[in-house]
Amino acid sequence: MNIQDRLKIFYDRLTAAQAAADAEAALALICRTLEEVENEFCPLEKKNPPPESFDGRMYLPQKDNMCVSDNQTMWVKTRKHRIAIKPDDSFTVFSLMPHRVLFREFHKPGQ
């Protein structure tokens, strides 16, 4: 299954999931759901550690690509996306467009 189809399944499962109770639970939901989708639908074996360049599989965000801003929003950087997890436990996935423009691709409200 191609990455666009897997990404749609990922977003569909996030939509169906119960809202997270806090930012850490939101991050755990994102990671758990991504792993489930990739393990179920990605034709490529998971590499450990993740490869430095794209191999066709989506991998979990790395700890060194996470930070908390002054307004307590947790920002998670992935290869082509940025995830903002707000203090109200909502989160938004942005697609990284040319010229570092962020396009809102998915949003899940908090509790």
Protein backbone atom coordinates (compact mmCIF):
# COMPACT_ATOMS: atom_id res chain seq x y z
CA MET A 1 0.00 0.00 0.00
CA ASN A 2 1.39 3.43 -0.86
CA ILE A 3 2.24 6.07 1.72
CA GLN A 4 -0.71 8.34 0.85
CA ASP A 5 -3.16 5.51 1.50
CA ARG A 6 -1.41 4.63 4.77
CA LEU A 7 -1.48 8.27 5.85
CA LYS A 8 -5.24 8.38 5.22
CA ILE A 9 -5.72 5.27 7.38
CA PHE A 10 -3.53 6.88 10.07
CA TYR A 11 -5.72 10.01 10.10
CA ASP A 12 -8.93 7.96 10.02
CA ARG A 13 -7.79 5.97 13.06
CA LEU A 14 -6.76 9.14 14.90
CA THR A 15 -10.19 10.61 14.18
CA ALA A 16 -11.92 7.52 15.59
CA ALA A 17 -9.71 7.36 18.70
CA GLN A 18 -10.77 8.79 22.03
CA ALA A 19 -9.28 12.22 22.72
CA ALA A 20 -6.09 12.22 24.79
CA ALA A 21 -6.12 13.31 28.44
CA ASP A 22 -2.86 15.27 28.19
CA ALA A 23 -0.03 16.15 25.80
CA GLU A 24 1.98 13.03 26.60
CA ALA A 25 -1.06 10.85 25.96
CA ALA A 26 -1.64 12.68 22.66
CA LEU A 27 1.95 11.96 21.59
CA ALA A 28 1.55 8.33 22.66
CA LEU A 29 -1.68 8.06 20.62
CA ILE A 30 0.07 9.46 17.55
CA CYS A 31 3.04 7.10 17.93
CA ARG A 32 0.99 4.00 18.71
CA THR A 33 -1.38 4.62 15.79
CA LEU A 34 1.46 5.25 13.35
CA GLU A 35 3.22 2.04 14.40
CA GLU A 36 0.01 0.03 14.04
CA VAL A 37 -0.70 1.38 10.55
CA GLU A 38 2.86 0.89 9.31
CA ASN A 39 3.15 -2.61 10.79
CA GLU A 40 -0.14 -3.59 9.21
CA PHE A 41 0.07 -1.91 5.79
CA CYS A 42 3.65 -0.95 4.92
CA PRO A 43 5.33 -3.45 2.60
CA LEU A 44 8.77 -2.55 4.01
CA GLU A 45 10.34 -3.99 7.14
CA LYS A 46 10.97 -1.57 9.99
CA LYS A 47 14.64 -0.65 10.40
CA ASN A 48 16.18 0.01 13.78
CA PRO A 49 17.52 2.62 14.02
CA PRO A 50 15.43 4.44 11.41
CA PRO A 51 17.37 5.22 8.24
CA GLU A 52 18.76 8.73 7.71
CA SER A 53 17.06 9.01 4.32
CA PHE A 54 13.51 8.12 3.32
CA ASP A 55 13.02 4.43 2.54
CA GLY A 56 9.25 4.45 1.97
CA ARG A 57 8.20 3.73 5.56
CA MET A 58 6.95 6.24 8.14
CA TYR A 59 8.87 6.12 11.42
CA LEU A 60 8.13 7.46 14.87
CA PRO A 61 9.40 10.95 15.67
CA GLN A 62 12.75 11.00 17.42
CA LYS A 63 13.14 12.59 20.88
CA ASP A 64 15.74 15.06 19.59
CA ASN A 65 13.10 16.43 17.18
CA MET A 66 10.67 17.43 19.95
CA CYS A 67 10.53 20.66 21.89
CA VAL A 68 8.10 22.69 24.00
CA SER A 69 7.50 26.33 23.08
CA ASP A 70 6.95 29.23 25.47
CA ASN A 71 3.16 28.78 25.26
CA GLN A 72 3.55 25.10 26.31
CA THR A 73 2.81 23.73 22.84
CA MET A 74 4.82 20.59 22.15
CA TRP A 75 6.28 20.68 18.63
CA VAL A 76 7.27 17.44 16.95
CA LYS A 77 9.33 17.49 13.76
CA THR A 78 9.22 14.65 11.25
CA ARG A 79 10.59 14.38 7.73
CA LYS A 80 7.67 16.08 5.97
CA HIS A 81 5.39 17.10 8.84
CA ARG A 82 5.23 19.21 11.99
CA ILE A 83 2.89 18.26 14.81
CA ALA A 84 1.68 20.83 17.36
CA ILE A 85 0.25 19.36 20.58
CA LYS A 86 -1.47 22.13 22.54
CA PRO A 87 -1.87 22.35 26.32
CA ASP A 88 -5.62 21.64 25.81
CA ASP A 89 -4.56 18.20 24.44
CA SER A 90 -5.67 18.98 20.89
CA PHE A 91 -3.15 18.41 18.16
CA THR A 92 -2.64 19.48 14.58
CA VAL A 93 -0.50 17.82 11.93
CA PHE A 94 0.94 20.23 9.40
CA SER A 95 2.45 19.25 6.07
CA LEU A 96 5.73 21.04 5.41
CA MET A 97 5.36 22.84 2.10
CA PRO A 98 8.02 24.64 0.03
CA HIS A 99 9.57 27.72 1.63
CA ARG A 100 8.83 26.28 5.10
CA VAL A 101 5.12 27.05 4.84
CA LEU A 102 2.94 24.84 7.05
CA PHE A 103 -0.33 23.49 5.65
CA ARG A 104 -2.86 22.13 8.16
CA GLU A 105 -3.43 18.52 7.14
CA PHE A 106 -5.19 17.06 10.20
CA HIS A 107 -6.62 18.28 13.52
CA LYS A 108 -7.91 16.38 16.54
CA PRO A 109 -9.65 18.31 19.33
CA GLY A 110 -8.70 17.69 22.95
CA GLN A 111 -11.08 16.56 25.69
